Amino acid sequence: MGFTAIRWPARTLETGRSIALVAVLLAACAHDAEPPRWIEHPGRGWPAARFVTGVGQGENPEAAATAARAEIARKTKGEHEGIEIARTWVAKKPRIHWALAVLDRPALIARLGDQIAENDRARTAAAERAEAEAPETAVLTLLEAIDLSREREGLRVRIARLEGTPPTSDVPPSRADLDLQLAGVKRTLTIAVAAFEMDPDSGEIGAPLDAVRRALAQQVLAKGFSLPVEGEWGESPPAWLRVLTRIGFEHLELGGSQGFATVEWEAALEVFDPSAGGRVVALLDGGARATHVNEKTARRLAREEAIEFVTTTLASWLDGRYARGPR
């Protein structure tokens, strides 16, 4: 409220008139500091049948608004979209900022429903487009469609949390349909694997490592892709992708390690794309040491660690590039 300048009498507190004036002024100040109704009863202006409200306080306007929005997010299990700050107020002593956040529930549910309709159109178009594409392109298109399917499910969950009725989850193509279509495309794509021992000093390739190649082949099959037939497992078999693994082993003489044998291994895994002129699309490497009282055992441990590294590295790369987890 506004205040009018008051000229105090010379003997301010010695007259009843002055004391009465002080009482009036204090009452006015107390009235000005009275908190608004929405702090305790936000539903009076924004009925719960339509709105979700949140009241927050903080040392500045931004902190109060953030707290109010967080209250709505708590009530809706994570919703942040469409929240507006409808009211603010400042308590003077102590100085505290208050904010009222409001979410129009039906309006947001309608927007989410529109997003689902657009998602359905885009997902259907992607699945149809993949049917006409080459397998190496179709696999990426189908992964995009699966991402859309996951986004759609997330939109349905948000509508349910807002106490709305989500659209049916059976609009084709379903996630199961897309997974089946993707699996069929993957089976038409072959990945050739090769593994060789590497000289740790020069990096030159030596003898083939059949055990490593078989372990890599198992990962390719486990991820849903195909392998060239056994007779075509040469140095450059016809394939969609080619994986070349090089592993080097070196016996180390370490001071102070009498009675122990240490074998160091290093491995490099390269993925080539023959359709792009043999371009390298991935280069992954690593290494470690294996120590044991017996040198033969140390070498075996080093070999096992190296195989574990290249197989899990290939599996992770394939998952990151050509797979999607469950919804």
Protein backbone atom coordinates (compact mmCIF):
# COMPACT_ATOMS: atom_id res chain seq x y z
CA MET A 1 0.00 0.00 0.00
CA GLY A 2 1.08 3.63 -0.37
CA PHE A 3 2.04 5.77 2.58
CA THR A 4 1.37 9.51 3.10
CA ALA A 5 4.07 11.53 4.79
CA ILE A 6 3.16 12.14 8.44
CA ARG A 7 4.41 15.10 10.43
CA TRP A 8 4.88 13.97 14.03
CA PRO A 9 3.94 16.26 16.91
CA ALA A 10 6.80 17.73 18.97
CA ARG A 11 6.04 15.49 21.91
CA THR A 12 5.33 12.37 19.86
CA LEU A 13 4.61 9.82 22.55
CA GLU A 14 3.21 12.04 25.24
CA THR A 15 -0.27 12.60 23.82
CA GLY A 16 -3.11 10.20 23.26
CA ARG A 17 -3.49 11.55 19.74
CA SER A 18 0.06 10.57 18.82
CA ILE A 19 -0.30 7.13 20.33
CA ALA A 20 -3.48 6.58 18.32
CA LEU A 21 -1.68 7.64 15.15
CA VAL A 22 1.10 5.13 15.82
CA ALA A 23 -1.49 2.39 16.28
CA VAL A 24 -3.13 3.23 12.95
CA LEU A 25 0.23 3.15 11.14
CA LEU A 26 1.22 -0.20 12.65
CA ALA A 27 -2.13 -1.68 11.70
CA ALA A 28 -1.64 -0.49 8.16
CA CYS A 29 1.81 -2.10 7.99
CA ALA A 30 0.47 -5.37 9.37
CA HIS A 31 -2.28 -5.39 6.76
CA ASP A 32 0.25 -4.82 3.96
CA ALA A 33 2.30 -7.83 5.12
CA GLU A 34 -0.65 -10.23 5.17
CA PRO A 35 0.04 -13.14 2.77
CA PRO A 36 -2.31 -13.68 -0.18
CA ARG A 37 -4.84 -16.50 -0.08
CA TRP A 38 -3.19 -18.53 -2.83
CA ILE A 39 -0.25 -19.39 -0.60
CA GLU A 40 -2.46 -21.60 1.57
CA HIS A 41 -5.34 -22.24 -0.82
CA PRO A 42 -4.16 -22.14 -4.46
CA GLY A 43 -7.17 -24.19 -5.56
CA ARG A 44 -9.58 -21.30 -4.96
CA GLY A 45 -8.53 -19.58 -8.17
CA TRP A 46 -7.30 -22.65 -10.05
CA PRO A 47 -9.61 -25.61 -9.32
CA ALA A 48 -7.96 -29.02 -9.06
CA ALA A 49 -10.36 -30.49 -11.62
CA ARG A 50 -8.43 -28.61 -14.30
CA PHE A 51 -5.18 -27.29 -12.86
CA VAL A 52 -2.15 -28.64 -11.05
CA THR A 53 -0.70 -25.99 -8.76
CA GLY A 54 2.55 -25.60 -6.89
CA VAL A 55 3.60 -22.99 -4.34
CA GLY A 56 7.28 -22.28 -3.71
CA GLN A 57 9.43 -19.87 -1.76
CA GLY A 58 13.02 -18.70 -2.02
CA GLU A 59 15.46 -15.91 -1.36
CA ASN A 60 14.85 -14.42 -4.82
CA PRO A 61 12.13 -14.61 -7.51
CA GLU A 62 13.98 -17.26 -9.54
CA ALA A 63 14.40 -19.56 -6.54
CA ALA A 64 10.72 -19.21 -5.64
CA ALA A 65 9.62 -19.97 -9.20
CA THR A 66 11.94 -22.99 -9.38
CA ALA A 67 10.52 -24.36 -6.12
CA ALA A 68 6.95 -23.85 -7.35
CA ARG A 69 7.67 -25.67 -10.62
CA ALA A 70 9.38 -28.48 -8.71
CA GLU A 71 6.22 -28.93 -6.64
CA ILE A 72 4.19 -29.48 -9.81
CA ALA A 73 6.83 -31.90 -11.10
CA ARG A 74 6.55 -33.82 -7.84
CA LYS A 75 2.77 -34.02 -8.09
CA THR A 76 2.89 -35.16 -11.73
CA LYS A 77 5.91 -37.50 -11.34
CA GLY A 78 8.24 -35.44 -13.48
CA GLU A 79 6.15 -33.15 -15.69
CA HIS A 80 7.81 -29.83 -16.59
CA GLU A 81 6.12 -28.78 -19.82
CA GLY A 82 3.41 -26.09 -19.87
CA ILE A 83 4.00 -24.74 -16.37
CA GLU A 84 3.40 -21.00 -15.90
CA ILE A 85 4.07 -18.68 -12.96
CA ALA A 86 0.66 -17.15 -12.24
CA ARG A 87 1.29 -15.17 -9.06
CA THR A 88 4.23 -13.81 -7.03
CA TRP A 89 4.47 -12.12 -3.64
CA VAL A 90 7.23 -10.86 -1.33
CA ALA A 91 7.10 -11.04 2.45
CA LYS A 92 9.07 -8.13 3.87
CA LYS A 93 10.21 -9.31 7.32
CA PRO A 94 11.87 -11.67 6.85
CA ARG A 95 12.17 -10.96 3.11
CA ILE A 96 10.95 -14.11 1.35
CA HIS A 97 9.77 -14.47 -2.23
CA TRP A 98 6.75 -16.62 -3.03
CA ALA A 99 5.52 -17.94 -6.37
CA LEU A 100 2.47 -19.82 -7.58
CA ALA A 101 3.01 -22.17 -10.55
CA VAL A 102 0.04 -23.43 -12.56
CA LEU A 103 -0.28 -26.24 -15.08
CA ASP A 104 -3.37 -26.43 -17.29
CA ARG A 105 -3.86 -30.19 -17.30
CA PRO A 106 -6.40 -30.60 -20.19
CA ALA A 107 -4.41 -28.26 -22.42
CA LEU A 108 -1.20 -30.25 -21.91
CA ILE A 109 -3.00 -33.58 -22.40
CA ALA A 110 -4.33 -32.28 -25.73
CA ARG A 111 -0.82 -31.22 -26.84
CA LEU A 112 0.61 -34.60 -25.90
CA GLY A 113 -2.18 -36.31 -27.84
CA ASP A 114 -1.28 -34.25 -30.91
CA GLN A 115 2.36 -35.29 -30.51
CA ILE A 116 1.31 -38.95 -30.42
CA ALA A 117 -0.68 -38.52 -33.63
CA GLU A 118 2.35 -36.96 -35.33
CA ASN A 119 4.56 -39.73 -33.95
CA ASP A 120 2.22 -42.37 -35.41
CA ARG A 121 2.43 -40.79 -38.86
CA ALA A 122 6.23 -40.52 -38.74
CA ARG A 123 6.68 -44.07 -37.45
CA THR A 124 4.44 -45.56 -40.12
CA ALA A 125 6.26 -43.62 -42.84
CA ALA A 126 9.65 -44.81 -41.59
CA ALA A 127 8.60 -48.46 -41.55
CA GLU A 128 7.22 -48.19 -45.09
CA ARG A 129 10.34 -46.39 -46.30
CA ALA A 130 12.57 -49.12 -44.85
CA GLU A 131 10.82 -51.75 -46.96
CA ALA A 132 12.05 -50.04 -50.14
CA GLU A 133 15.58 -49.27 -48.95
CA ALA A 134 18.78 -51.27 -49.20
CA PRO A 135 19.44 -53.30 -46.02
CA GLU A 136 22.36 -51.14 -44.85
CA THR A 137 20.11 -48.06 -45.03
CA ALA A 138 16.95 -49.78 -43.85
CA VAL A 139 18.59 -50.88 -40.59
CA LEU A 140 19.18 -47.23 -39.63
CA THR A 141 15.69 -46.17 -40.72
CA LEU A 142 14.14 -48.90 -38.58
CA LEU A 143 16.21 -47.83 -35.59
CA GLU A 144 14.78 -44.34 -36.01
CA ALA A 145 11.29 -45.84 -36.11
CA ILE A 146 11.99 -47.78 -32.92
CA ASP A 147 13.14 -44.57 -31.25
CA LEU A 148 9.81 -43.02 -32.26
CA SER A 149 8.01 -45.99 -30.75
CA ARG A 150 9.80 -45.46 -27.44
CA GLU A 151 9.00 -41.74 -27.53
CA ARG A 152 5.34 -42.58 -28.11
CA GLU A 153 5.25 -44.80 -25.07
CA GLY A 154 6.79 -42.00 -23.04
CA LEU A 155 4.05 -39.63 -24.21
CA ARG A 156 1.36 -42.14 -23.19
CA VAL A 157 2.92 -42.44 -19.72
CA ARG A 158 2.88 -38.65 -19.33
CA ILE A 159 -0.81 -38.49 -20.26
CA ALA A 160 -1.60 -41.19 -17.71
CA ARG A 161 0.29 -39.30 -15.00
CA LEU A 162 -1.83 -36.24 -15.80
CA GLU A 163 -4.93 -38.40 -15.22
CA GLY A 164 -5.81 -38.39 -18.89
CA THR A 165 -6.72 -41.32 -21.14
CA PRO A 166 -3.78 -42.28 -23.39
CA PRO A 167 -4.45 -43.31 -27.00
CA THR A 168 -4.31 -47.01 -27.74
CA SER A 169 -0.86 -48.61 -27.88
CA ASP A 170 -1.92 -50.91 -30.76
CA VAL A 171 -1.52 -48.44 -33.61
CA PRO A 172 0.62 -50.21 -36.25
CA PRO A 173 3.46 -50.66 -36.64
CA SER A 174 3.90 -51.67 -33.01
CA ARG A 175 7.25 -51.96 -31.29
CA ALA A 176 7.05 -55.72 -31.73
CA ASP A 177 6.40 -55.28 -35.47
CA LEU A 178 9.41 -52.99 -35.81
CA ASP A 179 11.69 -55.33 -33.85
CA LEU A 180 10.66 -58.20 -36.12
CA GLN A 181 11.26 -56.12 -39.26
CA LEU A 182 14.66 -55.02 -37.95
CA ALA A 183 15.68 -58.60 -37.16
CA GLY A 184 14.85 -59.64 -40.72
CA VAL A 185 16.99 -56.85 -42.17
CA LYS A 186 19.91 -57.67 -39.89
CA ARG A 187 19.96 -61.26 -41.06
CA THR A 188 20.66 -60.06 -44.61
CA LEU A 189 23.75 -58.12 -43.49
CA THR A 190 27.04 -60.05 -43.18
CA ILE A 191 29.98 -59.07 -41.02
CA ALA A 192 33.32 -60.75 -41.76
CA VAL A 193 35.81 -61.13 -38.92
CA ALA A 194 39.55 -61.76 -38.92
CA ALA A 195 42.14 -61.82 -36.13
CA PHE A 196 45.94 -61.88 -36.27
CA GLU A 197 48.81 -61.79 -33.85
CA MET A 198 50.72 -58.50 -34.00
CA ASP A 199 54.38 -57.75 -33.41
CA PRO A 200 54.29 -55.38 -30.40
CA ASP A 201 57.30 -53.43 -31.66
CA SER A 202 56.67 -53.04 -35.40
CA GLY A 203 52.91 -53.50 -35.45
CA GLU A 204 53.23 -55.96 -38.35
CA ILE A 205 50.59 -58.67 -38.65
CA GLY A 206 51.67 -62.24 -38.01
CA ALA A 207 49.89 -65.57 -37.62
CA PRO A 208 46.07 -65.79 -37.60
CA LEU A 209 44.34 -66.19 -34.24
CA ASP A 210 41.51 -68.60 -34.93
CA ALA A 211 40.25 -68.67 -31.32
CA VAL A 212 39.83 -64.89 -31.39
CA ARG A 213 38.11 -65.00 -34.75
CA ARG A 214 35.63 -67.59 -33.50
CA ALA A 215 34.87 -65.48 -30.41
CA LEU A 216 34.23 -62.43 -32.61
CA ALA A 217 32.01 -64.49 -34.89
CA GLN A 218 29.88 -65.54 -31.92
CA GLN A 219 29.29 -61.89 -31.07
CA VAL A 220 28.25 -61.09 -34.64
CA LEU A 221 25.69 -63.90 -34.60
CA ALA A 222 24.48 -62.98 -31.10
CA LYS A 223 23.69 -59.45 -32.31
CA GLY A 224 21.50 -60.78 -35.12
CA PHE A 225 23.85 -60.32 -38.08
CA SER A 226 25.16 -62.99 -40.45
CA LEU A 227 28.63 -64.26 -41.28
CA PRO A 228 30.09 -65.12 -44.68
CA VAL A 229 30.15 -68.86 -45.28
CA GLU A 230 33.17 -70.67 -43.85
CA GLY A 231 34.88 -71.03 -47.24
CA GLU A 232 34.76 -67.27 -47.81
CA TRP A 233 36.55 -66.35 -44.59
CA GLY A 234 39.57 -65.08 -46.41
CA GLU A 235 41.38 -61.81 -45.95
CA SER A 236 38.75 -59.79 -47.86
CA PRO A 237 35.49 -61.76 -47.97
CA PRO A 238 32.41 -60.11 -49.48
CA ALA A 239 30.59 -58.54 -46.56
CA TRP A 240 28.69 -55.48 -45.43
CA LEU A 241 31.29 -54.77 -42.72
CA ARG A 242 34.73 -56.25 -42.03
CA VAL A 243 36.27 -56.51 -38.58
CA LEU A 244 40.03 -56.83 -38.22
CA THR A 245 41.57 -57.52 -34.82
CA ARG A 246 45.29 -57.35 -34.04
CA ILE A 247 46.66 -58.56 -30.69
CA GLY A 248 50.27 -58.31 -29.54
CA PHE A 249 51.88 -60.09 -26.58
CA GLU A 250 55.19 -59.27 -24.91
CA HIS A 251 56.99 -60.89 -21.98
CA LEU A 252 58.24 -58.14 -19.68
CA GLU A 253 61.30 -58.28 -17.47
CA LEU A 254 60.39 -56.15 -14.48
CA GLY A 255 62.83 -55.29 -11.72
CA GLY A 256 61.86 -56.59 -8.31
CA SER A 257 59.51 -59.19 -9.76
CA GLN A 258 61.67 -62.28 -9.26
CA GLY A 259 59.60 -65.41 -9.28
CA PHE A 260 56.80 -63.81 -11.31
CA ALA A 261 56.21 -63.65 -15.04
CA THR A 262 54.46 -60.64 -16.58
CA VAL A 263 52.96 -60.65 -20.06
CA GLU A 264 51.67 -57.43 -21.54
CA TRP A 265 49.00 -57.46 -24.22
CA GLU A 266 47.65 -54.78 -26.50
CA ALA A 267 44.81 -55.08 -28.96
CA ALA A 268 43.29 -53.01 -31.73
CA LEU A 269 39.92 -53.61 -33.35
CA GLU A 270 39.08 -51.93 -36.66
CA VAL A 271 35.75 -51.97 -38.46
CA PHE A 272 35.82 -51.32 -42.22
CA ASP A 273 32.93 -50.43 -44.50
CA PRO A 274 33.66 -52.00 -47.92
CA SER A 275 30.72 -50.18 -49.51
CA ALA A 276 32.40 -46.86 -48.66
CA GLY A 277 35.73 -47.73 -50.25
CA GLY A 278 37.04 -49.56 -47.20
CA ARG A 279 36.56 -46.57 -44.91
CA VAL A 280 37.31 -47.24 -41.24
CA VAL A 281 34.12 -46.57 -39.26
CA ALA A 282 35.52 -47.60 -35.88
CA LEU A 283 39.00 -47.92 -34.36
CA LEU A 284 39.08 -49.24 -30.79
CA ASP A 285 42.12 -50.30 -28.79
CA GLY A 286 43.23 -51.26 -25.31
CA GLY A 287 45.77 -53.22 -23.31
CA ALA A 288 46.85 -54.51 -19.90
CA ARG A 289 49.24 -56.88 -18.13
CA ALA A 290 48.81 -60.37 -16.72
CA THR A 291 51.17 -61.61 -13.98
CA HIS A 292 51.65 -65.11 -12.60
CA VAL A 293 54.37 -67.26 -11.07
CA ASN A 294 54.24 -69.40 -14.20
CA GLU A 295 54.99 -67.72 -17.54
CA LYS A 296 52.78 -70.11 -19.48
CA THR A 297 49.86 -69.29 -17.19
CA ALA A 298 50.60 -65.58 -17.50
CA ARG A 299 50.44 -65.88 -21.28
CA ARG A 300 47.15 -67.75 -21.07
CA LEU A 301 45.67 -65.10 -18.80
CA ALA A 302 46.87 -62.35 -21.13
CA ARG A 303 45.29 -64.13 -24.10
CA GLU A 304 41.99 -64.56 -22.25
CA GLU A 305 41.95 -60.89 -21.23
CA ALA A 306 42.67 -59.79 -24.79
CA ILE A 307 39.88 -61.97 -26.20
CA GLU A 308 37.46 -60.65 -23.58
CA PHE A 309 38.39 -57.10 -24.50
CA VAL A 310 37.95 -57.41 -28.27
CA THR A 311 34.70 -59.39 -28.06
CA THR A 312 33.00 -57.10 -25.53
CA THR A 313 34.26 -54.05 -27.41
CA LEU A 314 32.76 -55.31 -30.67
CA ALA A 315 29.50 -56.19 -28.93
CA SER A 316 29.25 -52.74 -27.35
CA TRP A 317 29.97 -51.03 -30.67
CA LEU A 318 27.31 -53.04 -32.48
CA ASP A 319 24.78 -52.33 -29.73
CA GLY A 320 25.53 -48.63 -29.76
CA ARG A 321 25.24 -48.37 -33.54
CA TYR A 322 22.68 -50.96 -34.58
CA ALA A 323 20.51 -51.88 -31.59
CA ARG A 324 17.91 -50.43 -29.25
CA GLY A 325 17.13 -51.62 -25.75
CA PRO A 326 13.68 -52.68 -24.51
CA ARG A 327 11.05 -49.99 -24.11
